[in-house]
Amino acid sequence: MDPNAAIVTRPVLLDNTVLTNFALVDRADLVMSLWPTTACSTVPVLAEYRTGAARGLLPPDAWANLPLVILTEKESVFAESLPPRLGAGERSCLAVALGR
């Protein structure tokens, strides 16, 4: 399990758009100050963000301490059933939002 994995029953889910926008203005701290115990994301969202960081487009360490929600089996199945035009990060956030 990821050391930053979170068990959050009512998470404030951050998708890649939110991560990217706040990282680009160097204000990830604002998000974490608003929701210090519930702000989190999913592994697929963080993977999307890390792709941008690896390309040099985003700060690599902006979300180093962001807790990650691990999808349940039911959430994973639901995420996979969503249309592929949605990205993996979007599908995972929708699955968690519906499931929790």
PDB file of N, CA and C in Angstrom:
ATOM      1  N   MET A   1       0.845  -1.186   0.000  1.00  0.00           N
ATOM      2  CA  MET A   1       0.000   0.000   0.000  1.00  0.00           C
ATOM      3  C   MET A   1       0.888   1.246   0.000  1.00  0.00           C
ATOM      4  N   ASP A   2       0.450   2.255  -0.704  1.00  0.00           N
ATOM      5  CA  ASP A   2       1.164   3.518  -0.786  1.00  0.00           C
ATOM      6  C   ASP A   2       1.254   4.153   0.600  1.00  0.00           C
ATOM      7  N   PRO A   3       2.439   4.652   1.000  1.00  0.00           N
ATOM      8  CA  PRO A   3       2.569   5.264   2.323  1.00  0.00           C
ATOM      9  C   PRO A   3       1.687   6.493   2.508  1.00  0.00           C
ATOM     10  N   ASN A   4       1.280   7.124   1.412  1.00  0.00           N
ATOM     11  CA  ASN A   4       0.389   8.285   1.508  1.00  0.00           C
ATOM     12  C   ASN A   4      -1.074   7.896   1.356  1.00  0.00           C
ATOM     13  N   ALA A   5      -1.365   6.597   1.288  1.00  0.00           N
ATOM     14  CA  ALA A   5      -2.740   6.149   1.086  1.00  0.00           C
ATOM     15  C   ALA A   5      -3.614   6.611   2.238  1.00  0.00           C
ATOM     16  N   ALA A   6      -4.787   7.060   1.884  1.00  0.00           N
ATOM     17  CA  ALA A   6      -5.701   7.599   2.889  1.00  0.00           C
ATOM     18  C   ALA A   6      -6.978   6.792   2.949  1.00  0.00           C
ATOM     19  N   ILE A   7      -7.499   6.682   4.138  1.00  0.00           N
ATOM     20  CA  ILE A   7      -8.831   6.124   4.311  1.00  0.00           C
ATOM     21  C   ILE A   7      -9.697   7.309   4.702  1.00  0.00           C
ATOM     22  N   VAL A   8     -10.379   7.833   3.720  1.00  0.00           N
ATOM     23  CA  VAL A   8     -11.199   9.023   3.912  1.00  0.00           C
ATOM     24  C   VAL A   8     -12.612   8.665   3.491  1.00  0.00           C
ATOM     25  N   THR A   9     -13.554   8.798   4.414  1.00  0.00           N
ATOM     26  CA  THR A   9     -14.920   8.405   4.077  1.00  0.00           C
ATOM     27  C   THR A   9     -15.650   9.464   3.272  1.00  0.00           C
ATOM     28  N   ARG A  10     -15.355  10.731   3.477  1.00  0.00           N
ATOM     29  CA  ARG A  10     -15.961  11.806   2.684  1.00  0.00           C
ATOM     30  C   ARG A  10     -14.840  12.671   2.114  1.00  0.00           C
ATOM     31  N   PRO A  11     -14.145  12.144   1.117  1.00  0.00           N
ATOM     32  CA  PRO A  11     -12.983  12.856   0.596  1.00  0.00           C
ATOM     33  C   PRO A  11     -13.339  14.088  -0.228  1.00  0.00           C
ATOM     34  N   VAL A  12     -12.447  15.044  -0.217  1.00  0.00           N
ATOM     35  CA  VAL A  12     -12.490  16.157  -1.166  1.00  0.00           C
ATOM     36  C   VAL A  12     -11.514  15.736  -2.256  1.00  0.00           C
ATOM     37  N   LEU A  13     -12.066  15.195  -3.333  1.00  0.00           N
ATOM     38  CA  LEU A  13     -11.244  14.630  -4.396  1.00  0.00           C
ATOM     39  C   LEU A  13     -10.708  15.703  -5.322  1.00  0.00           C
ATOM     40  N   LEU A  14      -9.437  15.635  -5.582  1.00  0.00           N
ATOM     41  CA  LEU A  14      -8.779  16.583  -6.476  1.00  0.00           C
ATOM     42  C   LEU A  14      -8.434  15.858  -7.771  1.00  0.00           C
ATOM     43  N   ASP A  15      -8.929  16.381  -8.879  1.00  0.00           N
ATOM     44  CA  ASP A  15      -8.567  15.766 -10.148  1.00  0.00           C
ATOM     45  C   ASP A  15      -7.323  16.450 -10.702  1.00  0.00           C
ATOM     46  N   ASN A  16      -6.873  15.998 -11.846  1.00  0.00           N
ATOM     47  CA  ASN A  16      -5.624  16.517 -12.401  1.00  0.00           C
ATOM     48  C   ASN A  16      -5.711  17.997 -12.760  1.00  0.00           C
ATOM     49  N   THR A  17      -6.862  18.471 -13.138  1.00  0.00           N
ATOM     50  CA  THR A  17      -7.010  19.898 -13.446  1.00  0.00           C
ATOM     51  C   THR A  17      -6.735  20.735 -12.199  1.00  0.00           C
ATOM     52  N   VAL A  18      -7.283  20.332 -11.089  1.00  0.00           N
ATOM     53  CA  VAL A  18      -7.051  21.060  -9.835  1.00  0.00           C
ATOM     54  C   VAL A  18      -5.579  20.974  -9.442  1.00  0.00           C
ATOM     55  N   LEU A  19      -5.017  19.773  -9.482  1.00  0.00           N
ATOM     56  CA  LEU A  19      -3.600  19.620  -9.124  1.00  0.00           C
ATOM     57  C   LEU A  19      -2.721  20.500 -10.002  1.00  0.00           C
ATOM     58  N   THR A  20      -2.980  20.461 -11.291  1.00  0.00           N
ATOM     59  CA  THR A  20      -2.166  21.229 -12.236  1.00  0.00           C
ATOM     60  C   THR A  20      -2.294  22.729 -12.005  1.00  0.00           C
ATOM     61  N   ASN A  21      -3.519  23.216 -11.897  1.00  0.00           N
ATOM     62  CA  ASN A  21      -3.719  24.661 -11.752  1.00  0.00           C
ATOM     63  C   ASN A  21      -3.074  25.208 -10.488  1.00  0.00           C
ATOM     64  N   PHE A  22      -3.263  24.539  -9.365  1.00  0.00           N
ATOM     65  CA  PHE A  22      -2.676  25.041  -8.127  1.00  0.00           C
ATOM     66  C   PHE A  22      -1.158  24.878  -8.111  1.00  0.00           C
ATOM     67  N   ALA A  23      -0.655  23.818  -8.714  1.00  0.00           N
ATOM     68  CA  ALA A  23       0.798  23.632  -8.772  1.00  0.00           C
ATOM     69  C   ALA A  23       1.457  24.695  -9.637  1.00  0.00           C
ATOM     70  N   LEU A  24       0.815  25.046 -10.750  1.00  0.00           N
ATOM     71  CA  LEU A  24       1.409  26.031 -11.656  1.00  0.00           C
ATOM     72  C   LEU A  24       1.528  27.419 -11.035  1.00  0.00           C
ATOM     73  N   VAL A  25       0.676  27.725 -10.080  1.00  0.00           N
ATOM     74  CA  VAL A  25       0.779  29.020  -9.399  1.00  0.00           C
ATOM     75  C   VAL A  25       1.442  28.872  -8.027  1.00  0.00           C
ATOM     76  N   ASP A  26       2.030  27.696  -7.791  1.00  0.00           N
ATOM     77  CA  ASP A  26       2.767  27.399  -6.561  1.00  0.00           C
ATOM     78  C   ASP A  26       1.917  27.610  -5.309  1.00  0.00           C
ATOM     79  N   ARG A  27       0.660  27.126  -5.343  1.00  0.00           N
ATOM     80  CA  ARG A  27      -0.235  27.320  -4.210  1.00  0.00           C
ATOM     81  C   ARG A  27      -0.958  26.033  -3.789  1.00  0.00           C
ATOM     82  N   ALA A  28      -0.281  24.925  -3.850  1.00  0.00           N
ATOM     83  CA  ALA A  28      -0.858  23.680  -3.338  1.00  0.00           C
ATOM     84  C   ALA A  28      -1.212  23.832  -1.863  1.00  0.00           C
ATOM     85  N   ASP A  29      -0.495  24.717  -1.184  1.00  0.00           N
ATOM     86  CA  ASP A  29      -0.763  24.945   0.236  1.00  0.00           C
ATOM     87  C   ASP A  29      -2.185  25.454   0.497  1.00  0.00           C
ATOM     88  N   LEU A  30      -2.747  26.205  -0.451  1.00  0.00           N
ATOM     89  CA  LEU A  30      -4.111  26.705  -0.273  1.00  0.00           C
ATOM     90  C   LEU A  30      -5.117  25.559  -0.178  1.00  0.00           C
ATOM     91  N   VAL A  31      -4.974  24.604  -1.047  1.00  0.00           N
ATOM     92  CA  VAL A  31      -5.876  23.457  -1.043  1.00  0.00           C
ATOM     93  C   VAL A  31      -5.749  22.699   0.275  1.00  0.00           C
ATOM     94  N   MET A  32      -4.527  22.466   0.678  1.00  0.00           N
ATOM     95  CA  MET A  32      -4.302  21.697   1.896  1.00  0.00           C
ATOM     96  C   MET A  32      -4.731  22.463   3.145  1.00  0.00           C
ATOM     97  N   SER A  33      -4.702  23.786   3.100  1.00  0.00           N
ATOM     98  CA  SER A  33      -5.175  24.555   4.259  1.00  0.00           C
ATOM     99  C   SER A  33      -6.698  24.570   4.332  1.00  0.00           C
ATOM    100  N   LEU A  34      -7.362  24.481   3.189  1.00  0.00           N
ATOM    101  CA  LEU A  34      -8.822  24.440   3.186  1.00  0.00           C
ATOM    102  C   LEU A  34      -9.364  23.095   3.659  1.00  0.00           C
ATOM    103  N   TRP A  35      -8.725  22.020   3.239  1.00  0.00           N
ATOM    104  CA  TRP A  35      -9.193  20.669   3.550  1.00  0.00           C
ATOM    105  C   TRP A  35      -8.039  19.820   4.070  1.00  0.00           C
ATOM    106  N   PRO A  36      -7.492  20.158   5.234  1.00  0.00           N
ATOM    107  CA  PRO A  36      -6.279  19.478   5.703  1.00  0.00           C
ATOM    108  C   PRO A  36      -6.448  17.984   5.971  1.00  0.00           C
ATOM    109  N   THR A  37      -7.633  17.527   6.290  1.00  0.00           N
ATOM    110  CA  THR A  37      -7.807  16.107   6.600  1.00  0.00           C
ATOM    111  C   THR A  37      -8.597  15.348   5.545  1.00  0.00           C
ATOM    112  N   THR A  38      -9.134  16.062   4.554  1.00  0.00           N
ATOM    113  CA  THR A  38      -9.968  15.370   3.570  1.00  0.00           C
ATOM    114  C   THR A  38      -9.516  15.540   2.123  1.00  0.00           C
ATOM    115  N   ALA A  39      -8.640  16.492   1.845  1.00  0.00           N
ATOM    116  CA  ALA A  39      -8.139  16.656   0.473  1.00  0.00           C
ATOM    117  C   ALA A  39      -7.298  15.441   0.106  1.00  0.00           C
ATOM    118  N   CYS A  40      -7.594  14.880  -1.035  1.00  0.00           N
ATOM    119  CA  CYS A  40      -6.875  13.695  -1.481  1.00  0.00           C
ATOM    120  C   CYS A  40      -7.117  13.511  -2.975  1.00  0.00           C
ATOM    121  N   SER A  41      -6.484  12.513  -3.511  1.00  0.00           N
ATOM    122  CA  SER A  41      -6.705  12.180  -4.904  1.00  0.00           C
ATOM    123  C   SER A  41      -6.613  10.675  -5.054  1.00  0.00           C
ATOM    124  N   THR A  42      -6.561  10.240  -6.292  1.00  0.00           N
ATOM    125  CA  THR A  42      -6.465   8.811  -6.574  1.00  0.00           C
ATOM    126  C   THR A  42      -5.141   8.538  -7.281  1.00  0.00           C
ATOM    127  N   VAL A  43      -4.751   7.291  -7.288  1.00  0.00           N
ATOM    128  CA  VAL A  43      -3.502   6.900  -7.947  1.00  0.00           C
ATOM    129  C   VAL A  43      -3.515   7.267  -9.434  1.00  0.00           C
ATOM    130  N   PRO A  44      -4.614   7.005 -10.170  1.00  0.00           N
ATOM    131  CA  PRO A  44      -4.613   7.400 -11.587  1.00  0.00           C
ATOM    132  C   PRO A  44      -4.470   8.907 -11.804  1.00  0.00           C
ATOM    133  N   VAL A  45      -5.060   9.719 -10.938  1.00  0.00           N
ATOM    134  CA  VAL A  45      -4.918  11.168 -11.069  1.00  0.00           C
ATOM    135  C   VAL A  45      -3.462  11.559 -10.859  1.00  0.00           C
ATOM    136  N   LEU A  46      -2.852  11.030  -9.817  1.00  0.00           N
ATOM    137  CA  LEU A  46      -1.458  11.374  -9.553  1.00  0.00           C
ATOM    138  C   LEU A  46      -0.556  10.892 -10.686  1.00  0.00           C
ATOM    139  N   ALA A  47      -0.887   9.772 -11.304  1.00  0.00           N
ATOM    140  CA  ALA A  47      -0.110   9.284 -12.451  1.00  0.00           C
ATOM    141  C   ALA A  47      -0.197  10.274 -13.614  1.00  0.00           C
ATOM    142  N   GLU A  48      -1.390  10.813 -13.853  1.00  0.00           N
ATOM    143  CA  GLU A  48      -1.541  11.813 -14.907  1.00  0.00           C
ATOM    144  C   GLU A  48      -0.696  13.046 -14.593  1.00  0.00           C
ATOM    145  N   TYR A  49      -0.737  13.485 -13.335  1.00  0.00           N
ATOM    146  CA  TYR A  49       0.047  14.654 -12.939  1.00  0.00           C
ATOM    147  C   TYR A  49       1.542  14.375 -13.126  1.00  0.00           C
ATOM    148  N   ARG A  50       1.979  13.205 -12.703  1.00  0.00           N
ATOM    149  CA  ARG A  50       3.405  12.863 -12.797  1.00  0.00           C
ATOM    150  C   ARG A  50       3.883  12.795 -14.245  1.00  0.00           C
ATOM    151  N   THR A  51       2.984  12.459 -15.161  1.00  0.00           N
ATOM    152  CA  THR A  51       3.350  12.470 -16.584  1.00  0.00           C
ATOM    153  C   THR A  51       3.719  13.885 -17.010  1.00  0.00           C
ATOM    154  N   GLY A  52       2.913  14.863 -16.604  1.00  0.00           N
ATOM    155  CA  GLY A  52       3.225  16.259 -16.908  1.00  0.00           C
ATOM    156  C   GLY A  52       4.502  16.723 -16.229  1.00  0.00           C
ATOM    157  N   ALA A  53       4.708  16.276 -15.004  1.00  0.00           N
ATOM    158  CA  ALA A  53       5.929  16.650 -14.279  1.00  0.00           C
ATOM    159  C   ALA A  53       7.162  16.042 -14.945  1.00  0.00           C
ATOM    160  N   ALA A  54       7.053  14.807 -15.393  1.00  0.00           N
ATOM    161  CA  ALA A  54       8.179  14.148 -16.063  1.00  0.00           C
ATOM    162  C   ALA A  54       8.546  14.842 -17.363  1.00  0.00           C
ATOM    163  N   ARG A  55       7.580  15.480 -17.985  1.00  0.00           N
ATOM    164  CA  ARG A  55       7.842  16.225 -19.226  1.00  0.00           C
ATOM    165  C   ARG A  55       8.353  17.635 -18.954  1.00  0.00           C
ATOM    166  N   GLY A  56       8.505  17.970 -17.688  1.00  0.00           N
ATOM    167  CA  GLY A  56       9.010  19.286 -17.323  1.00  0.00           C
ATOM    168  C   GLY A  56       7.963  20.380 -17.376  1.00  0.00           C
ATOM    169  N   LEU A  57       6.689  20.001 -17.459  1.00  0.00           N
ATOM    170  CA  LEU A  57       5.610  20.984 -17.562  1.00  0.00           C
ATOM    171  C   LEU A  57       5.045  21.396 -16.209  1.00  0.00           C
ATOM    172  N   LEU A  58       5.273  20.580 -15.188  1.00  0.00           N
ATOM    173  CA  LEU A  58       4.700  20.820 -13.865  1.00  0.00           C
ATOM    174  C   LEU A  58       5.758  20.618 -12.790  1.00  0.00           C
ATOM    175  N   PRO A  59       5.607  21.308 -11.661  1.00  0.00           N
ATOM    176  CA  PRO A  59       6.549  21.104 -10.564  1.00  0.00           C
ATOM    177  C   PRO A  59       6.417  19.680 -10.009  1.00  0.00           C
ATOM    178  N   PRO A  60       7.506  18.935  -9.951  1.00  0.00           N
ATOM    179  CA  PRO A  60       7.414  17.530  -9.566  1.00  0.00           C
ATOM    180  C   PRO A  60       7.029  17.276  -8.109  1.00  0.00           C
ATOM    181  N   ASP A  61       7.326  18.189  -7.218  1.00  0.00           N
ATOM    182  CA  ASP A  61       7.105  17.935  -5.793  1.00  0.00           C
ATOM    183  C   ASP A  61       5.918  18.666  -5.187  1.00  0.00           C
ATOM    184  N   ALA A  62       5.102  19.304  -6.005  1.00  0.00           N
ATOM    185  CA  ALA A  62       4.001  20.116  -5.476  1.00  0.00           C
ATOM    186  C   ALA A  62       3.025  19.304  -4.636  1.00  0.00           C
ATOM    187  N   TRP A  63       2.833  18.050  -4.980  1.00  0.00           N
ATOM    188  CA  TRP A  63       1.840  17.220  -4.292  1.00  0.00           C
ATOM    189  C   TRP A  63       2.479  16.005  -3.630  1.00  0.00           C
ATOM    190  N   ALA A  64       3.713  16.146  -3.190  1.00  0.00           N
ATOM    191  CA  ALA A  64       4.444  15.015  -2.607  1.00  0.00           C
ATOM    192  C   ALA A  64       3.741  14.419  -1.390  1.00  0.00           C
ATOM    193  N   ASN A  65       3.013  15.214  -0.643  1.00  0.00           N
ATOM    194  CA  ASN A  65       2.362  14.727   0.574  1.00  0.00           C
ATOM    195  C   ASN A  65       0.852  14.569   0.430  1.00  0.00           C
ATOM    196  N   LEU A  66       0.365  14.581  -0.776  1.00  0.00           N
ATOM    197  CA  LEU A  66      -1.069  14.450  -0.995  1.00  0.00           C
ATOM    198  C   LEU A  66      -1.515  13.022  -0.698  1.00  0.00           C
ATOM    199  N   PRO A  67      -2.458  12.849   0.220  1.00  0.00           N
ATOM    200  CA  PRO A  67      -2.962  11.499   0.475  1.00  0.00           C
ATOM    201  C   PRO A  67      -3.691  10.947  -0.746  1.00  0.00           C
ATOM    202  N   LEU A  68      -3.570   9.657  -0.929  1.00  0.00           N
ATOM    203  CA  LEU A  68      -4.220   8.988  -2.048  1.00  0.00           C
ATOM    204  C   LEU A  68      -5.282   8.033  -1.532  1.00  0.00           C
ATOM    205  N   VAL A  69      -6.422   8.065  -2.185  1.00  0.00           N
ATOM    206  CA  VAL A  69      -7.505   7.145  -1.879  1.00  0.00           C
ATOM    207  C   VAL A  69      -7.296   5.911  -2.753  1.00  0.00           C
ATOM    208  N   ILE A  70      -7.332   4.762  -2.142  1.00  0.00           N
ATOM    209  CA  ILE A  70      -7.233   3.515  -2.890  1.00  0.00           C
ATOM    210  C   ILE A  70      -8.652   3.046  -3.188  1.00  0.00           C
ATOM    211  N   LEU A  71      -8.943   2.836  -4.448  1.00  0.00           N
ATOM    212  CA  LEU A  71     -10.276   2.404  -4.838  1.00  0.00           C
ATOM    213  C   LEU A  71     -10.578   1.009  -4.307  1.00  0.00           C
ATOM    214  N   THR A  72     -11.812   0.823  -3.879  1.00  0.00           N
ATOM    215  CA  THR A  72     -12.267  -0.510  -3.510  1.00  0.00           C
ATOM    216  C   THR A  72     -12.470  -1.312  -4.789  1.00  0.00           C
ATOM    217  N   GLU A  73     -12.678  -2.590  -4.640  1.00  0.00           N
ATOM    218  CA  GLU A  73     -12.936  -3.432  -5.811  1.00  0.00           C
ATOM    219  C   GLU A  73     -14.178  -2.946  -6.558  1.00  0.00           C
ATOM    220  N   LYS A  74     -15.219  -2.622  -5.818  1.00  0.00           N
ATOM    221  CA  LYS A  74     -16.465  -2.149  -6.431  1.00  0.00           C
ATOM    222  C   LYS A  74     -16.230  -0.827  -7.177  1.00  0.00           C
ATOM    223  N   GLU A  75     -15.464   0.079  -6.575  1.00  0.00           N
ATOM    224  CA  GLU A  75     -15.159   1.352  -7.230  1.00  0.00           C
ATOM    225  C   GLU A  75     -14.328   1.134  -8.486  1.00  0.00           C
ATOM    226  N   SER A  76     -13.382   0.214  -8.421  1.00  0.00           N
ATOM    227  CA  SER A  76     -12.543  -0.076  -9.588  1.00  0.00           C
ATOM    228  C   SER A  76     -13.375  -0.618 -10.750  1.00  0.00           C
ATOM    229  N   VAL A  77     -14.293  -1.514 -10.432  1.00  0.00           N
ATOM    230  CA  VAL A  77     -15.159  -2.082 -11.467  1.00  0.00           C
ATOM    231  C   VAL A  77     -16.016  -0.977 -12.088  1.00  0.00           C
ATOM    232  N   PHE A  78     -16.573  -0.119 -11.235  1.00  0.00           N
ATOM    233  CA  PHE A  78     -17.394   0.975 -11.755  1.00  0.00           C
ATOM    234  C   PHE A  78     -16.561   1.912 -12.624  1.00  0.00           C
ATOM    235  N   ALA A  79     -15.358   2.265 -12.169  1.00  0.00           N
ATOM    236  CA  ALA A  79     -14.490   3.167 -12.940  1.00  0.00           C
ATOM    237  C   ALA A  79     -14.209   2.590 -14.320  1.00  0.00           C
ATOM    238  N   GLU A  80     -13.973   1.294 -14.384  1.00  0.00           N
ATOM    239  CA  GLU A  80     -13.685   0.655 -15.666  1.00  0.00           C
ATOM    240  C   GLU A  80     -14.916   0.605 -16.575  1.00  0.00           C
ATOM    241  N   SER A  81     -16.106   0.713 -15.987  1.00  0.00           N
ATOM    242  CA  SER A  81     -17.328   0.661 -16.798  1.00  0.00           C
ATOM    243  C   SER A  81     -17.681   2.010 -17.417  1.00  0.00           C
ATOM    244  N   LEU A  82     -17.028   3.064 -16.971  1.00  0.00           N
ATOM    245  CA  LEU A  82     -17.322   4.400 -17.495  1.00  0.00           C
ATOM    246  C   LEU A  82     -16.724   4.564 -18.889  1.00  0.00           C
ATOM    247  N   PRO A  83     -17.253   5.487 -19.665  1.00  0.00           N
ATOM    248  CA  PRO A  83     -16.785   5.662 -21.048  1.00  0.00           C
ATOM    249  C   PRO A  83     -15.286   5.981 -21.117  1.00  0.00           C
ATOM    250  N   PRO A  84     -14.591   5.374 -22.064  1.00  0.00           N
ATOM    251  CA  PRO A  84     -13.152   5.599 -22.191  1.00  0.00           C
ATOM    252  C   PRO A  84     -12.778   7.021 -22.609  1.00  0.00           C
ATOM    253  N   ARG A  85     -13.755   7.799 -23.062  1.00  0.00           N
ATOM    254  CA  ARG A  85     -13.428   9.198 -23.413  1.00  0.00           C
ATOM    255  C   ARG A  85     -13.044   9.997 -22.165  1.00  0.00           C
ATOM    256  N   LEU A  86     -13.459   9.497 -20.996  1.00  0.00           N
ATOM    257  CA  LEU A  86     -13.003  10.080 -19.732  1.00  0.00           C
ATOM    258  C   LEU A  86     -11.638   9.488 -19.420  1.00  0.00           C
ATOM    259  N   GLY A  87     -10.767  10.285 -18.882  1.00  0.00           N
ATOM    260  CA  GLY A  87      -9.453   9.786 -18.511  1.00  0.00           C
ATOM    261  C   GLY A  87      -9.540   8.881 -17.290  1.00  0.00           C
ATOM    262  N   ALA A  88      -8.496   8.124 -17.057  1.00  0.00           N
ATOM    263  CA  ALA A  88      -8.467   7.210 -15.912  1.00  0.00           C
ATOM    264  C   ALA A  88      -8.630   7.967 -14.602  1.00  0.00           C
ATOM    265  N   GLY A  89      -8.047   9.152 -14.509  1.00  0.00           N
ATOM    266  CA  GLY A  89      -8.177   9.952 -13.296  1.00  0.00           C
ATOM    267  C   GLY A  89      -9.607  10.402 -13.067  1.00  0.00           C
ATOM    268  N   GLU A  90     -10.248  10.860 -14.115  1.00  0.00           N
ATOM    269  CA  GLU A  90     -11.652  11.278 -13.996  1.00  0.00           C
ATOM    270  C   GLU A  90     -12.538  10.109 -13.600  1.00  0.00           C
ATOM    271  N   ARG A  91     -12.316   8.978 -14.243  1.00  0.00           N
ATOM    272  CA  ARG A  91     -13.125   7.798 -13.922  1.00  0.00           C
ATOM    273  C   ARG A  91     -12.931   7.376 -12.475  1.00  0.00           C
ATOM    274  N   SER A  92     -11.690   7.430 -11.998  1.00  0.00           N
ATOM    275  CA  SER A  92     -11.439   7.011 -10.611  1.00  0.00           C
ATOM    276  C   SER A  92     -12.083   7.969  -9.609  1.00  0.00           C
ATOM    277  N   CYS A  93     -12.047   9.262  -9.889  1.00  0.00           N
ATOM    278  CA  CYS A  93     -12.679  10.240  -8.998  1.00  0.00           C
ATOM    279  C   CYS A  93     -14.195  10.065  -8.985  1.00  0.00           C
ATOM    280  N   LEU A  94     -14.782   9.839 -10.145  1.00  0.00           N
ATOM    281  CA  LEU A  94     -16.228   9.617 -10.197  1.00  0.00           C
ATOM    282  C   LEU A  94     -16.620   8.365  -9.420  1.00  0.00           C
ATOM    283  N   ALA A  95     -15.831   7.326  -9.534  1.00  0.00           N
ATOM    284  CA  ALA A  95     -16.132   6.072  -8.830  1.00  0.00           C
ATOM    285  C   ALA A  95     -16.069   6.264  -7.314  1.00  0.00           C
ATOM    286  N   VAL A  96     -15.061   6.980  -6.843  1.00  0.00           N
ATOM    287  CA  VAL A  96     -14.938   7.230  -5.404  1.00  0.00           C
ATOM    288  C   VAL A  96     -16.072   8.140  -4.934  1.00  0.00           C
ATOM    289  N   ALA A  97     -16.368   9.167  -5.713  1.00  0.00           N
ATOM    290  CA  ALA A  97     -17.434  10.096  -5.336  1.00  0.00           C
ATOM    291  C   ALA A  97     -18.785   9.364  -5.211  1.00  0.00           C
ATOM    292  N   LEU A  98     -19.056   8.473  -6.136  1.00  0.00           N
ATOM    293  CA  LEU A  98     -20.306   7.723  -6.085  1.00  0.00           C
ATOM    294  C   LEU A  98     -20.279   6.692  -4.957  1.00  0.00           C
ATOM    295  N   GLY A  99     -19.143   6.050  -4.793  1.00  0.00           N
ATOM    296  CA  GLY A  99     -19.038   4.971  -3.814  1.00  0.00           C
ATOM    297  C   GLY A  99     -18.969   5.412  -2.375  1.00  0.00           C
ATOM    298  N   ARG A 100     -18.583   6.648  -2.136  1.00  0.00           N
ATOM    299  CA  ARG A 100     -18.421   7.091  -0.753  1.00  0.00           C
ATOM    300  C   ARG A 100     -19.310   8.262  -0.424  1.00  0.00           C
TER     301      ARG A 100
END
